[in-house]
Amino acid sequence: MSNPLWMLVPWLVFALAAGIKFWRLTSLFRKHLLGIPSRTERLRQMLERIWEKDQQVV
């Protein structure tokens, strides 16, 4: 390890991991702000549509 640039490798790994973690944490906020419904919200909407159709038949 004669080259001092090897000292930057752990910092680059840390920065990459922190960036990925930040991106994953903020994905919930981005989806909420953009109005993209979550998986459970889509499932709830689908079940409500089925329930409404079933209520109309009865």
N, C-alpha and C. Protein backbone atom coordinates (compact mmCIF):
# COMPACT_ATOMS: atom_id res chain seq x y z
N MET A 1 0.84 -1.19 0.00
CA MET A 1 0.00 0.00 0.00
C MET A 1 0.88 1.25 0.00
N SER A 2 1.64 1.40 -1.03
CA SER A 2 2.53 2.55 -1.10
C SER A 2 1.80 3.80 -1.59
N ASN A 3 0.70 3.61 -2.28
CA ASN A 3 -0.03 4.76 -2.82
C ASN A 3 -1.04 5.28 -1.78
N PRO A 4 -0.98 6.54 -1.41
CA PRO A 4 -1.90 7.07 -0.39
C PRO A 4 -3.35 7.16 -0.87
N LEU A 5 -3.60 7.01 -2.17
CA LEU A 5 -4.98 7.05 -2.66
C LEU A 5 -5.80 5.85 -2.18
N TRP A 6 -5.13 4.77 -1.74
CA TRP A 6 -5.85 3.61 -1.21
C TRP A 6 -6.61 3.98 0.07
N MET A 7 -6.24 5.06 0.71
CA MET A 7 -6.94 5.50 1.91
C MET A 7 -8.35 6.03 1.57
N LEU A 8 -8.57 6.38 0.32
CA LEU A 8 -9.88 6.88 -0.09
C LEU A 8 -10.90 5.77 -0.32
N VAL A 9 -10.46 4.54 -0.51
CA VAL A 9 -11.37 3.43 -0.80
C VAL A 9 -12.41 3.23 0.31
N PRO A 10 -12.02 3.18 1.59
CA PRO A 10 -13.06 3.03 2.62
C PRO A 10 -14.06 4.20 2.64
N TRP A 11 -13.57 5.41 2.37
CA TRP A 11 -14.48 6.55 2.35
C TRP A 11 -15.45 6.47 1.18
N LEU A 12 -14.98 5.98 0.05
CA LEU A 12 -15.87 5.81 -1.10
C LEU A 12 -16.93 4.74 -0.83
N VAL A 13 -16.53 3.66 -0.18
CA VAL A 13 -17.49 2.60 0.18
C VAL A 13 -18.52 3.17 1.15
N PHE A 14 -18.08 3.92 2.14
CA PHE A 14 -18.99 4.53 3.11
C PHE A 14 -19.95 5.50 2.42
N ALA A 15 -19.44 6.33 1.53
CA ALA A 15 -20.28 7.30 0.83
C ALA A 15 -21.31 6.60 -0.04
N LEU A 16 -20.93 5.53 -0.70
CA LEU A 16 -21.86 4.77 -1.53
C LEU A 16 -22.95 4.15 -0.67
N ALA A 17 -22.56 3.54 0.45
CA ALA A 17 -23.55 2.92 1.34
C ALA A 17 -24.49 3.97 1.92
N ALA A 18 -23.97 5.12 2.31
CA ALA A 18 -24.81 6.18 2.85
C ALA A 18 -25.77 6.71 1.79
N GLY A 19 -25.30 6.84 0.57
CA GLY A 19 -26.17 7.29 -0.51
C GLY A 19 -27.30 6.32 -0.80
N ILE A 20 -26.98 5.05 -0.80
CA ILE A 20 -28.02 4.03 -1.04
C ILE A 20 -29.03 4.03 0.10
N LYS A 21 -28.55 4.12 1.32
CA LYS A 21 -29.45 4.16 2.48
C LYS A 21 -30.35 5.39 2.42
N PHE A 22 -29.79 6.54 2.10
CA PHE A 22 -30.57 7.77 1.98
C PHE A 22 -31.63 7.63 0.89
N TRP A 23 -31.27 7.05 -0.25
CA TRP A 23 -32.20 6.88 -1.37
C TRP A 23 -33.36 5.98 -0.95
N ARG A 24 -33.06 4.90 -0.23
CA ARG A 24 -34.12 3.99 0.20
C ARG A 24 -35.03 4.63 1.24
N LEU A 25 -34.45 5.41 2.15
CA LEU A 25 -35.27 6.07 3.17
C LEU A 25 -36.18 7.14 2.57
N THR A 26 -35.68 7.86 1.60
CA THR A 26 -36.48 8.94 1.01
C THR A 26 -37.43 8.44 -0.06
N SER A 27 -37.34 7.18 -0.44
CA SER A 27 -38.26 6.67 -1.47
C SER A 27 -39.71 6.74 -1.00
N LEU A 28 -39.95 6.53 0.29
CA LEU A 28 -41.31 6.63 0.81
C LEU A 28 -41.85 8.05 0.65
N PHE A 29 -41.01 9.05 0.94
CA PHE A 29 -41.44 10.43 0.81
C PHE A 29 -41.65 10.80 -0.66
N ARG A 30 -40.78 10.31 -1.53
CA ARG A 30 -40.92 10.62 -2.95
C ARG A 30 -42.20 10.01 -3.50
N LYS A 31 -42.51 8.79 -3.11
CA LYS A 31 -43.74 8.16 -3.58
C LYS A 31 -44.95 8.91 -3.05
N HIS A 32 -44.90 9.35 -1.80
CA HIS A 32 -46.02 10.08 -1.21
C HIS A 32 -46.21 11.43 -1.90
N LEU A 33 -45.13 12.12 -2.18
CA LEU A 33 -45.23 13.44 -2.80
C LEU A 33 -45.68 13.34 -4.26
N LEU A 34 -45.27 12.28 -4.94
CA LEU A 34 -45.64 12.13 -6.34
C LEU A 34 -47.04 11.54 -6.50
N GLY A 35 -47.61 11.04 -5.41
CA GLY A 35 -48.96 10.48 -5.49
C GLY A 35 -49.02 9.05 -5.98
N ILE A 36 -47.91 8.36 -5.96
CA ILE A 36 -47.90 6.96 -6.37
C ILE A 36 -48.41 6.13 -5.21
N PRO A 37 -49.52 5.42 -5.39
CA PRO A 37 -50.05 4.63 -4.26
C PRO A 37 -49.14 3.46 -3.92
N SER A 38 -49.09 3.15 -2.64
CA SER A 38 -48.28 2.03 -2.19
C SER A 38 -48.95 0.72 -2.57
N ARG A 39 -48.25 -0.36 -2.37
CA ARG A 39 -48.77 -1.69 -2.70
C ARG A 39 -50.02 -2.00 -1.88
N THR A 40 -50.00 -1.65 -0.60
CA THR A 40 -51.16 -1.91 0.25
C THR A 40 -52.33 -1.01 -0.13
N GLU A 41 -52.04 0.21 -0.56
CA GLU A 41 -53.10 1.12 -0.99
C GLU A 41 -53.77 0.58 -2.26
N ARG A 42 -52.99 0.06 -3.19
CA ARG A 42 -53.56 -0.51 -4.42
C ARG A 42 -54.40 -1.73 -4.08
N LEU A 43 -53.93 -2.56 -3.15
CA LEU A 43 -54.70 -3.74 -2.74
C LEU A 43 -56.01 -3.31 -2.09
N ARG A 44 -55.96 -2.30 -1.24
CA ARG A 44 -57.16 -1.80 -0.59
C ARG A 44 -58.16 -1.29 -1.62
N GLN A 45 -57.69 -0.55 -2.60
CA GLN A 45 -58.58 -0.04 -3.64
C GLN A 45 -59.21 -1.17 -4.44
N MET A 46 -58.42 -2.19 -4.75
CA MET A 46 -58.94 -3.33 -5.49
C MET A 46 -60.02 -4.05 -4.68
N LEU A 47 -59.77 -4.26 -3.39
CA LEU A 47 -60.76 -4.92 -2.54
C LEU A 47 -62.03 -4.08 -2.40
N GLU A 48 -61.89 -2.78 -2.33
CA GLU A 48 -63.07 -1.91 -2.25
C GLU A 48 -63.89 -1.99 -3.53
N ARG A 49 -63.23 -2.05 -4.69
CA ARG A 49 -63.97 -2.18 -5.95
C ARG A 49 -64.72 -3.51 -5.99
N ILE A 50 -64.08 -4.58 -5.55
CA ILE A 50 -64.74 -5.89 -5.52
C ILE A 50 -65.93 -5.85 -4.57
N TRP A 51 -65.74 -5.22 -3.42
CA TRP A 51 -66.82 -5.13 -2.44
C TRP A 51 -67.99 -4.33 -2.98
N GLU A 52 -67.70 -3.22 -3.67
CA GLU A 52 -68.77 -2.41 -4.26
C GLU A 52 -69.55 -3.18 -5.31
N LYS A 53 -68.83 -3.93 -6.17
CA LYS A 53 -69.51 -4.74 -7.17
C LYS A 53 -70.38 -5.78 -6.52
N ASP A 54 -69.87 -6.39 -5.45
CA ASP A 54 -70.63 -7.41 -4.74
C ASP A 54 -71.87 -6.81 -4.08
N GLN A 55 -71.78 -5.59 -3.59
CA GLN A 55 -72.92 -4.93 -2.95
C GLN A 55 -73.98 -4.57 -3.98
N GLN A 56 -73.58 -4.25 -5.21
CA GLN A 56 -74.53 -3.90 -6.25
C GLN A 56 -75.34 -5.12 -6.70
N VAL A 57 -74.72 -6.29 -6.65
CA VAL A 57 -75.38 -7.53 -7.06
C VAL A 57 -76.44 -7.89 -6.04
N VAL A 58 -76.17 -7.68 -4.77
CA VAL A 58 -77.09 -8.09 -3.70
C VAL A 58 -78.24 -7.18 -3.58
